[in-house]
Amino acid sequence: MAAQLAPQSVLREFCPLYYLLNAIPAKVQRGFRSVLVYLTALDSSSDFLAVGSSIGMLYLYCRRLAHLNKYSLEGKYDAITAVKLLSCFDDLVAVGTSSGRVAVFQLVSPLPGRNKQLRRFDVVGLHKGSVTALAWSTNGMKLFSGDDKGRVVFTSLDLDQGVCKPVLLLEESSGVVQMEYSHQVLLVSTQQRSLLYCTQKQEVLQLGTKPRKSSGRFGACFLPALCKQSDLQVFAARPGLRLWRSDIRGQVEDTRLLKPLFNSQIPQFELFPRPDPIGGYRPADRQLGLLSCFLKEGWILSWNEYSIYVLDCLNQVIIGALESSGDIVSVSCCDNEIFVLKGDRDIIRLSNSPEGLASNLLDLSVCLSSPLTTPTILRSVGSVEIAQPIRTMAIITEGGGREDGEGGEGRQEKAEEEEEGGVEEVEEAEEEQQMEVWLLLWFTWIPGTACSNHTCPFC
């Protein structure tokens, strides 16, 4: 009898991200040397995709305008090991490197009263190892960074004054693997334990009574809470496919045994064919990894270098899985999307719907259509966008001091990169404003009606 095929998950890859991968160079020239570019870190939001690289360059793709900017950290070309996006009053990107450097980019916005000049804040000297985790406060005034030596640094940001003040917050005996911040509580997962740090009381509370017997990259995440700190609950991964649920004091309320879920056929994420085998590998010892809440109440995204699982903890079922050969580098989720960085330079988007204008803004177009007419709704299809050429942005450095070693050669390379970019910030703002006008015209136009403007492209 032929082997039974694994069932397909509701989440799948609708279209490869060629528009992004083709826009990021595979090689760069460093003097007389040609250097390969590996992708090393990833984060996502509804507006941006941020990708770190082995050459210390951050590639930021604006999903709304379909263009790619690059941001250099200058100085030493350390690999970017962590990246974290935040959209608040300003769009912010935090970056951590293999040498322990942390940089914050305050992005340019065309909106009135928003930031008009790209600025960078540097945090140097406090981390002694590679930065492994970053976490923002909702308002962008607090940034937490952890490294593989166990240090956690808190950086207070004042964007109006253009200053940042970093301090050493915690020093653990093992490396930090994941962090989250909510309601003035920092959740830190290390190789040996998970803990809660209350920033008001400066109090450390461990999840459970004892550290884990075996060390590993086991993460933890907050469950979506209401308005009070006391409502916070935590899911923490444990060895042996176990999941703890604890309160804000670190008291374990229940343990969920997930191992029986893996005894039956596991729904697999359907992916586009690739030259090398990307799935089908089954690690000898399945484990949970880093955790994030995803899409629906009770859904948990778990990942490590070997596997990705989406679990429904309420109904005790596995929504989908990707079991690979140990080359999963980074995973990020937002809304109904999961982005996976695999190998040297492969990025996969998993979702229950295609990417693109027609699918993402379908509900908005229906709401803006006239109730007196029958709206014309486009069928959702996969789409491939073409990114504009990469732009190198001029940066104002504020806050922390510069690293040593930024001599004439570093400044010369910076000047060459700016000259290669050749894009004025005013032109970019005008392009963004023009795009917003066209989008506004598109969403407010009612199918089947005429417009008083005879030059309107939709009439």
Protein backbone atom coordinates (compact mmCIF):
# COMPACT_ATOMS: atom_id res chain seq x y z
CA MET A 1 0.00 0.00 0.00
CA ALA A 2 1.30 3.44 -0.91
CA ALA A 3 2.28 5.72 1.94
CA GLN A 4 -0.48 8.12 2.93
CA LEU A 5 0.27 11.75 2.12
CA ALA A 6 0.25 14.22 5.00
CA PRO A 7 -2.80 16.53 5.03
CA GLN A 8 -2.33 20.13 3.89
CA SER A 9 -2.55 23.04 6.31
CA VAL A 10 -4.86 26.05 5.88
CA LEU A 11 -1.66 28.12 5.81
CA ARG A 12 0.51 27.96 2.71
CA GLU A 13 2.90 29.83 0.43
CA PHE A 14 0.89 31.58 -2.29
CA CYS A 15 3.79 33.13 -4.20
CA PRO A 16 7.58 33.32 -3.76
CA LEU A 17 8.91 36.72 -2.70
CA TYR A 18 10.94 37.28 -5.86
CA TYR A 19 10.37 41.04 -5.71
CA LEU A 20 12.28 41.17 -2.42
CA LEU A 21 14.95 38.51 -2.91
CA ASN A 22 15.94 39.74 -6.39
CA ALA A 23 16.34 43.29 -5.09
CA ILE A 24 18.87 42.30 -2.40
CA PRO A 25 22.33 41.82 -3.96
CA ALA A 26 23.96 38.41 -3.72
CA LYS A 27 27.44 40.01 -3.63
CA VAL A 28 28.96 43.39 -2.79
CA GLN A 29 32.37 44.83 -3.55
CA ARG A 30 34.61 45.63 -0.56
CA GLY A 31 37.69 47.22 -2.05
CA PHE A 32 39.22 44.55 -4.29
CA ARG A 33 37.20 41.74 -2.70
CA SER A 34 33.81 40.41 -3.72
CA VAL A 35 31.85 39.52 -0.56
CA LEU A 36 28.82 37.22 -0.49
CA VAL A 37 25.69 38.61 1.18
CA TYR A 38 23.90 36.24 3.55
CA LEU A 39 20.56 37.10 5.13
CA THR A 40 20.79 36.76 8.90
CA ALA A 41 17.72 38.29 10.61
CA LEU A 42 14.10 39.10 9.81
CA ASP A 43 11.12 41.01 11.18
CA SER A 44 7.77 41.93 9.65
CA SER A 45 4.84 44.28 10.07
CA SER A 46 1.88 45.25 7.92
CA ASP A 47 3.97 48.13 6.49
CA PHE A 48 7.54 46.82 6.33
CA LEU A 49 9.78 43.80 5.94
CA ALA A 50 13.16 44.27 7.64
CA VAL A 51 16.03 41.96 6.68
CA GLY A 52 19.47 41.97 8.28
CA SER A 53 22.57 40.76 6.47
CA SER A 54 26.05 39.40 7.07
CA ILE A 55 27.67 42.64 5.83
CA GLY A 56 26.06 44.92 8.43
CA MET A 57 23.49 46.27 6.00
CA LEU A 58 19.79 46.51 6.86
CA TYR A 59 17.38 46.10 3.95
CA LEU A 60 13.97 47.63 4.61
CA TYR A 61 11.17 46.90 2.16
CA CYS A 62 8.15 49.22 2.27
CA ARG A 63 5.20 47.00 1.39
CA ARG A 64 2.86 49.92 0.74
CA LEU A 65 5.12 51.67 -1.78
CA ALA A 66 6.93 48.57 -3.07
CA HIS A 67 10.45 49.91 -2.74
CA LEU A 68 13.57 48.83 -0.88
CA ASN A 69 15.91 51.04 1.13
CA LYS A 70 19.23 50.02 2.65
CA TYR A 71 20.72 51.38 5.87
CA SER A 72 24.37 51.00 6.80
CA LEU A 73 25.64 50.75 10.37
CA GLU A 74 29.03 52.17 9.30
CA GLY A 75 32.30 51.25 10.99
CA LYS A 76 32.93 47.52 11.32
CA TYR A 77 30.90 45.28 9.05
CA ASP A 78 29.39 43.08 11.75
CA ALA A 79 26.61 40.69 10.87
CA ILE A 80 23.14 41.79 11.94
CA THR A 81 21.80 39.17 14.35
CA ALA A 82 18.49 40.70 15.45
CA VAL A 83 16.03 43.24 14.07
CA LYS A 84 12.75 44.61 15.47
CA LEU A 85 10.19 46.92 13.86
CA LEU A 86 7.81 49.29 15.64
CA SER A 87 5.10 51.55 14.25
CA CYS A 88 3.96 54.22 16.72
CA PHE A 89 4.03 57.99 16.18
CA ASP A 90 7.20 57.36 14.16
CA ASP A 91 8.36 54.21 12.39
CA LEU A 92 11.35 52.75 14.22
CA VAL A 93 13.73 49.87 13.50
CA ALA A 94 16.09 48.42 16.11
CA VAL A 95 19.09 46.40 14.98
CA GLY A 96 21.54 44.24 16.96
CA THR A 97 24.86 42.90 15.70
CA SER A 98 27.28 40.06 16.37
CA SER A 99 29.67 42.41 18.21
CA GLY A 100 27.00 43.60 20.67
CA ARG A 101 26.18 46.88 19.01
CA VAL A 102 22.57 48.14 18.99
CA ALA A 103 21.32 50.83 16.61
CA VAL A 104 17.89 52.44 16.27
CA PHE A 105 16.75 54.01 13.00
CA GLN A 106 14.01 56.64 13.09
CA LEU A 107 12.51 56.51 9.61
CA VAL A 108 11.35 59.37 7.41
CA SER A 109 7.61 60.01 7.11
CA PRO A 110 5.82 62.25 4.56
CA LEU A 111 2.93 62.91 6.96
CA PRO A 112 2.61 66.37 8.58
CA GLY A 113 4.36 66.71 11.91
CA ARG A 114 6.32 63.49 11.48
CA ASN A 115 10.06 62.92 11.21
CA LYS A 116 11.57 64.40 8.00
CA GLN A 117 15.19 63.27 8.41
CA LEU A 118 16.48 59.74 8.88
CA ARG A 119 18.22 59.50 12.25
CA ARG A 120 20.25 56.78 13.93
CA PHE A 121 20.80 56.23 17.66
CA ASP A 122 23.72 54.01 18.74
CA VAL A 123 24.07 51.92 21.90
CA VAL A 124 27.61 50.58 22.34
CA GLY A 125 29.76 49.24 25.15
CA LEU A 126 27.22 47.40 27.32
CA HIS A 127 26.71 44.13 25.46
CA LYS A 128 29.62 41.69 25.63
CA GLY A 129 28.29 39.21 23.09
CA SER A 130 26.07 38.84 20.06
CA VAL A 131 22.65 40.50 20.35
CA THR A 132 20.01 37.76 20.20
CA ALA A 133 16.72 39.46 21.13
CA LEU A 134 15.07 42.90 20.97
CA ALA A 135 11.80 44.17 22.45
CA TRP A 136 10.03 47.54 22.16
CA SER A 137 7.55 49.31 24.40
CA THR A 138 4.38 50.32 22.58
CA ASN A 139 5.25 54.04 22.55
CA GLY A 140 8.82 53.54 21.32
CA MET A 141 10.40 55.14 24.38
CA LYS A 142 11.87 51.91 25.76
CA LEU A 143 14.04 49.36 24.00
CA PHE A 144 15.29 46.15 25.59
CA SER A 145 18.14 44.13 24.11
CA GLY A 146 19.57 40.78 25.19
CA ASP A 147 22.75 38.96 24.16
CA ASP A 148 24.17 35.44 24.12
CA LYS A 149 26.16 36.13 27.30
CA GLY A 150 23.00 36.71 29.36
CA ARG A 151 23.03 40.51 29.53
CA VAL A 152 19.81 42.51 29.18
CA VAL A 153 20.18 46.24 28.45
CA PHE A 154 17.42 48.83 28.82
CA THR A 155 17.67 51.91 26.57
CA SER A 156 15.50 54.96 27.21
CA LEU A 157 14.85 56.91 24.00
CA ASP A 158 13.86 60.57 23.72
CA LEU A 159 13.24 61.10 20.01
CA ASP A 160 12.34 64.77 20.43
CA GLN A 161 15.62 65.58 22.18
CA GLY A 162 17.59 63.13 20.04
CA VAL A 163 19.18 61.24 22.95
CA CYS A 164 19.26 57.65 24.23
CA LYS A 165 20.34 56.45 27.68
CA PRO A 166 21.29 52.76 27.99
CA VAL A 167 21.73 50.96 31.33
CA LEU A 168 22.47 47.33 32.23
CA LEU A 169 19.23 45.84 33.54
CA LEU A 170 19.90 42.13 34.12
CA GLU A 171 22.79 39.71 33.90
CA GLU A 172 21.82 36.04 33.57
CA SER A 173 24.09 32.99 33.66
CA SER A 174 23.00 31.83 30.18
CA GLY A 175 22.23 33.46 26.85
CA VAL A 176 18.98 35.31 26.13
CA VAL A 177 16.85 33.66 23.42
CA GLN A 178 13.60 35.70 23.42
CA MET A 179 12.05 38.81 25.03
CA GLU A 180 8.65 40.51 25.12
CA TYR A 181 7.47 43.66 26.90
CA SER A 182 3.91 44.46 27.95
CA HIS A 183 2.22 46.47 30.72
CA GLN A 184 5.57 47.46 32.28
CA VAL A 185 6.64 43.82 32.56
CA LEU A 186 9.59 42.37 30.62
CA LEU A 187 9.41 38.66 29.81
CA VAL A 188 12.89 37.18 29.32
CA SER A 189 13.66 33.64 28.17
CA THR A 190 17.21 32.34 28.49
CA GLN A 191 18.84 29.00 27.77
CA GLN A 192 18.03 27.86 31.32
CA ARG A 193 14.87 29.63 32.50
CA SER A 194 12.12 32.17 31.80
CA LEU A 195 11.60 35.14 34.09
CA LEU A 196 9.43 38.23 34.53
CA TYR A 197 10.99 41.60 35.37
CA CYS A 198 8.66 44.30 36.67
CA THR A 199 10.18 47.63 35.65
CA GLN A 200 8.21 49.59 38.27
CA LYS A 201 9.21 47.48 41.28
CA GLN A 202 12.53 46.31 39.78
CA GLU A 203 11.50 42.80 40.81
CA VAL A 204 12.55 39.52 39.17
CA LEU A 205 10.12 36.58 39.22
CA GLN A 206 11.00 33.18 37.79
CA LEU A 207 8.44 31.08 35.93
CA GLY A 208 8.09 27.93 37.99
CA THR A 209 10.13 27.05 41.04
CA LYS A 210 13.26 25.64 39.39
CA PRO A 211 15.31 26.28 36.25
CA ARG A 212 15.00 23.79 33.39
CA LYS A 213 16.94 20.55 33.78
CA SER A 214 18.18 20.78 30.19
CA SER A 215 19.20 24.03 28.53
CA GLY A 216 17.91 25.03 25.11
CA ARG A 217 16.22 27.67 22.98
CA PHE A 218 12.82 27.51 24.67
CA GLY A 219 10.86 30.76 24.45
CA ALA A 220 7.85 32.35 26.10
CA CYS A 221 5.21 34.90 25.12
CA PHE A 222 2.43 36.96 26.66
CA LEU A 223 -1.15 36.06 25.88
CA PRO A 224 -3.19 39.05 24.66
CA ALA A 225 -4.52 40.75 27.80
CA LEU A 226 -7.10 43.38 28.64
CA CYS A 227 -6.10 46.68 30.24
CA LYS A 228 -4.53 45.63 33.53
CA GLN A 229 -1.13 44.22 34.36
CA SER A 230 -2.78 41.61 36.58
CA ASP A 231 -4.59 40.17 33.53
CA LEU A 232 -1.34 39.15 31.85
CA GLN A 233 -0.72 35.46 31.29
CA VAL A 234 2.32 33.71 29.88
CA PHE A 235 2.84 30.65 27.69
CA ALA A 236 6.31 29.12 28.14
CA ALA A 237 7.83 26.28 26.12
CA ARG A 238 9.26 23.34 28.04
CA PRO A 239 11.29 20.30 26.99
CA GLY A 240 9.34 17.24 25.89
CA LEU A 241 6.65 19.15 23.93
CA ARG A 242 5.16 20.66 27.08
CA LEU A 243 3.64 24.11 27.42
CA TRP A 244 3.29 26.02 30.67
CA ARG A 245 0.64 28.65 31.31
CA SER A 246 1.49 30.96 34.20
CA ASP A 247 0.20 34.17 35.76
CA ILE A 248 2.03 37.47 36.07
CA ARG A 249 3.66 36.31 39.32
CA GLY A 250 5.28 33.33 37.62
CA GLN A 251 2.97 30.77 39.23
CA VAL A 252 2.34 27.86 36.84
CA GLU A 253 -1.42 27.38 36.46
CA ASP A 254 -1.41 24.37 34.13
CA THR A 255 0.85 22.23 31.95
CA ARG A 256 -0.30 21.20 28.49
CA LEU A 257 1.08 17.95 27.14
CA LEU A 258 1.34 18.32 23.37
CA LYS A 259 3.21 15.13 22.55
CA PRO A 260 0.04 13.09 21.78
CA LEU A 261 -0.82 15.62 19.03
CA PHE A 262 2.28 14.52 17.09
CA ASN A 263 1.31 10.84 17.00
CA SER A 264 -1.11 11.38 14.10
CA GLN A 265 -0.63 12.89 10.62
CA ILE A 266 0.56 16.51 10.88
CA PRO A 267 -0.81 19.03 8.33
CA GLN A 268 2.11 20.43 6.34
CA PHE A 269 2.50 23.94 4.95
CA GLU A 270 2.25 23.76 1.16
CA LEU A 271 5.29 25.46 -0.40
CA PHE A 272 6.34 26.31 -3.93
CA PRO A 273 8.85 23.82 -5.39
CA ARG A 274 12.50 24.70 -4.81
CA PRO A 275 15.75 23.30 -6.23
CA ASP A 276 16.74 21.82 -2.87
CA PRO A 277 14.43 19.79 -0.63
CA ILE A 278 12.86 22.14 1.89
CA GLY A 279 10.54 19.87 3.83
CA GLY A 280 10.01 16.27 4.73
CA TYR A 281 12.88 16.09 7.23
CA ARG A 282 11.81 14.82 10.62
CA PRO A 283 14.15 15.58 13.54
CA ALA A 284 14.77 12.67 15.87
CA ASP A 285 13.58 14.67 18.87
CA ARG A 286 10.76 17.14 18.24
CA GLN A 287 10.76 20.18 20.53
CA LEU A 288 9.02 23.50 20.91
CA GLY A 289 11.11 26.63 20.48
CA LEU A 290 10.47 30.37 20.50
CA LEU A 291 6.80 31.30 20.93
CA SER A 292 4.42 33.94 19.56
CA CYS A 293 0.65 34.34 19.62
CA PHE A 294 -0.72 34.15 16.09
CA LEU A 295 -3.95 35.07 14.27
CA LYS A 296 -6.62 33.52 16.53
CA GLU A 297 -7.25 33.13 20.23
CA GLY A 298 -5.35 30.11 21.48
CA TRP A 299 -3.13 29.81 18.39
CA ILE A 300 0.59 29.63 19.16
CA LEU A 301 3.47 29.83 16.67
CA SER A 302 6.53 27.86 17.77
CA TRP A 303 9.81 27.60 15.91
CA ASN A 304 13.41 26.50 16.21
CA GLU A 305 16.14 25.80 13.66
CA TYR A 306 14.55 22.47 12.68
CA SER A 307 10.80 23.08 12.66
CA ILE A 308 7.87 25.49 12.69
CA TYR A 309 4.53 24.58 14.28
CA VAL A 310 1.24 26.45 14.55
CA LEU A 311 -0.77 24.96 17.42
CA ASP A 312 -4.37 25.50 18.50
CA CYS A 313 -4.04 25.19 22.26
CA LEU A 314 -7.79 25.56 22.87
CA ASN A 315 -8.84 22.68 20.61
CA GLN A 316 -5.60 20.71 21.05
CA VAL A 317 -4.80 20.36 17.34
CA ILE A 318 -1.85 21.17 15.08
CA ILE A 319 -2.81 23.74 12.43
CA GLY A 320 0.30 23.27 10.33
CA ALA A 321 3.99 22.43 10.35
CA LEU A 322 7.25 22.81 8.45
CA GLU A 323 9.95 20.32 9.44
CA SER A 324 13.25 21.18 7.82
CA SER A 325 16.91 20.23 7.87
CA GLY A 326 18.15 22.66 10.50
CA ASP A 327 18.49 25.81 8.41
CA ILE A 328 15.64 27.95 9.78
CA VAL A 329 17.31 31.25 10.72
CA SER A 330 14.48 33.54 11.79
CA VAL A 331 10.67 33.61 11.91
CA SER A 332 8.31 36.57 12.29
CA CYS A 333 4.52 36.86 12.23
CA CYS A 334 2.06 39.72 11.84
CA ASP A 335 -1.71 39.62 11.34
CA ASN A 336 -2.37 36.49 9.23
CA GLU A 337 1.18 36.17 7.86
CA ILE A 338 4.25 34.20 8.87
CA PHE A 339 7.61 35.08 7.31
CA VAL A 340 10.39 32.49 7.44
CA LEU A 341 14.07 33.16 6.74
CA LYS A 342 15.70 29.89 5.65
CA GLY A 343 19.24 29.10 4.71
CA ASP A 344 21.46 31.80 3.27
CA ARG A 345 18.83 33.87 1.45
CA ASP A 346 15.39 32.31 1.15
CA ILE A 347 12.31 34.06 2.58
CA ILE A 348 8.95 32.28 2.69
CA ARG A 349 5.57 33.89 3.32
CA LEU A 350 2.91 31.61 4.85
CA SER A 351 -0.69 32.78 5.11
CA ASN A 352 -4.33 31.86 4.58
CA SER A 353 -4.68 34.47 1.80
CA PRO A 354 -2.51 35.83 -1.04
CA GLU A 355 -0.41 38.94 -0.72
CA GLY A 356 -1.35 42.03 -2.72
CA LEU A 357 -3.64 45.04 -2.95
CA ALA A 358 -6.77 43.16 -3.97
CA SER A 359 -6.59 40.63 -1.14
CA ASN A 360 -5.25 42.78 1.68
CA LEU A 361 -7.67 45.66 1.14
CA LEU A 362 -10.73 43.73 0.01
CA ASP A 363 -12.81 44.62 3.05
CA LEU A 364 -11.85 48.29 2.79
CA SER A 365 -12.92 48.52 -0.86
CA VAL A 366 -16.29 46.97 -0.02
CA CYS A 367 -16.90 49.42 2.82
CA LEU A 368 -16.07 52.43 0.64
CA SER A 369 -18.30 51.35 -2.25
CA SER A 370 -21.70 53.01 -2.64
CA PRO A 371 -24.59 51.13 -0.98
CA LEU A 372 -26.72 52.02 -4.03
CA THR A 373 -24.52 50.14 -6.47
CA THR A 374 -23.38 46.56 -6.68
CA PRO A 375 -19.68 46.57 -5.82
CA THR A 376 -17.28 44.91 -8.22
CA ILE A 377 -14.96 42.73 -6.15
CA LEU A 378 -11.77 41.38 -7.69
CA ARG A 379 -10.92 37.76 -7.06
CA SER A 380 -7.87 37.35 -4.83
CA VAL A 381 -4.83 36.14 -6.73
CA GLY A 382 -1.15 35.82 -5.94
CA SER A 383 0.90 38.73 -7.15
CA VAL A 384 4.56 39.53 -7.67
CA GLU A 385 5.56 43.15 -7.18
CA ILE A 386 8.62 44.77 -8.70
CA ALA A 387 10.73 46.62 -6.17
CA GLN A 388 12.30 49.92 -7.10
CA PRO A 389 16.12 50.13 -7.06
CA ILE A 390 17.74 50.07 -3.63
CA ARG A 391 18.21 53.50 -2.11
CA THR A 392 20.96 54.49 0.31
CA MET A 393 19.62 57.03 2.78
CA ALA A 394 21.59 59.90 4.30
CA ILE A 395 21.68 59.43 8.08
CA ILE A 396 22.02 61.85 10.99
CA THR A 397 23.71 60.08 13.94
CA GLU A 398 22.43 61.03 17.39
CA GLY A 399 22.36 59.59 20.88
CA GLY A 400 25.18 57.16 21.71
CA GLY A 401 28.75 57.64 20.57
CA ARG A 402 30.42 56.14 17.53
CA GLU A 403 32.44 52.96 17.68
CA ASP A 404 36.21 53.02 17.39
CA GLY A 405 37.74 52.40 14.03
CA GLU A 406 35.61 54.78 11.94
CA GLY A 407 38.52 56.45 10.25
CA GLY A 408 38.95 57.99 6.85
CA GLU A 409 38.34 54.68 5.08
CA GLY A 410 34.93 54.24 6.77
CA ARG A 411 33.90 57.78 5.91
CA GLN A 412 35.06 57.34 2.32
CA GLU A 413 33.02 54.14 1.93
CA LYS A 414 30.02 55.90 3.45
CA ALA A 415 30.39 58.75 0.95
CA GLU A 416 30.64 56.30 -1.93
CA GLU A 417 27.46 54.50 -0.78
CA GLU A 418 25.57 57.79 -0.51
CA GLU A 419 26.78 58.78 -3.98
CA GLU A 420 25.65 55.43 -5.39
CA GLY A 421 22.20 55.85 -3.86
CA GLY A 422 21.73 59.25 -5.47
CA VAL A 423 18.19 59.73 -4.23
CA GLU A 424 17.15 62.93 -2.55
CA GLU A 425 14.85 62.68 0.47
CA VAL A 426 12.54 65.36 -0.91
CA GLU A 427 11.97 63.27 -4.03
CA GLU A 428 11.12 60.24 -1.91
CA ALA A 429 8.59 62.23 0.11
CA GLU A 430 6.99 63.52 -3.10
CA GLU A 431 6.77 59.97 -4.48
CA GLU A 432 5.13 58.73 -1.28
CA GLN A 433 2.63 61.60 -1.27
CA GLN A 434 1.81 60.97 -4.94
CA MET A 435 1.26 57.27 -4.23
CA GLU A 436 -1.08 58.13 -1.34
CA VAL A 437 -3.12 60.40 -3.64
CA TRP A 438 -3.51 57.63 -6.24
CA LEU A 439 -4.51 55.12 -3.56
CA LEU A 440 -7.07 57.58 -2.21
CA LEU A 441 -8.52 58.04 -5.70
CA TRP A 442 -8.68 54.29 -6.17
CA PHE A 443 -10.51 53.56 -2.90
CA THR A 444 -13.00 56.44 -3.19
CA TRP A 445 -13.94 55.73 -6.82
CA ILE A 446 -17.36 54.04 -7.18
CA PRO A 447 -17.54 51.51 -10.05
CA GLY A 448 -20.09 52.42 -12.71
CA THR A 449 -20.15 56.14 -11.96
CA ALA A 450 -18.59 59.06 -13.79
CA CYS A 451 -16.19 61.59 -12.33
CA SER A 452 -16.18 65.35 -12.89
CA ASN A 453 -12.45 65.20 -13.45
CA HIS A 454 -12.00 64.19 -17.10
CA THR A 455 -8.33 63.36 -16.51
CA CYS A 456 -9.16 60.71 -13.91
CA PRO A 457 -7.59 57.40 -15.07
CA PHE A 458 -10.52 55.38 -13.72
CA CYS A 459 -13.22 57.09 -15.85
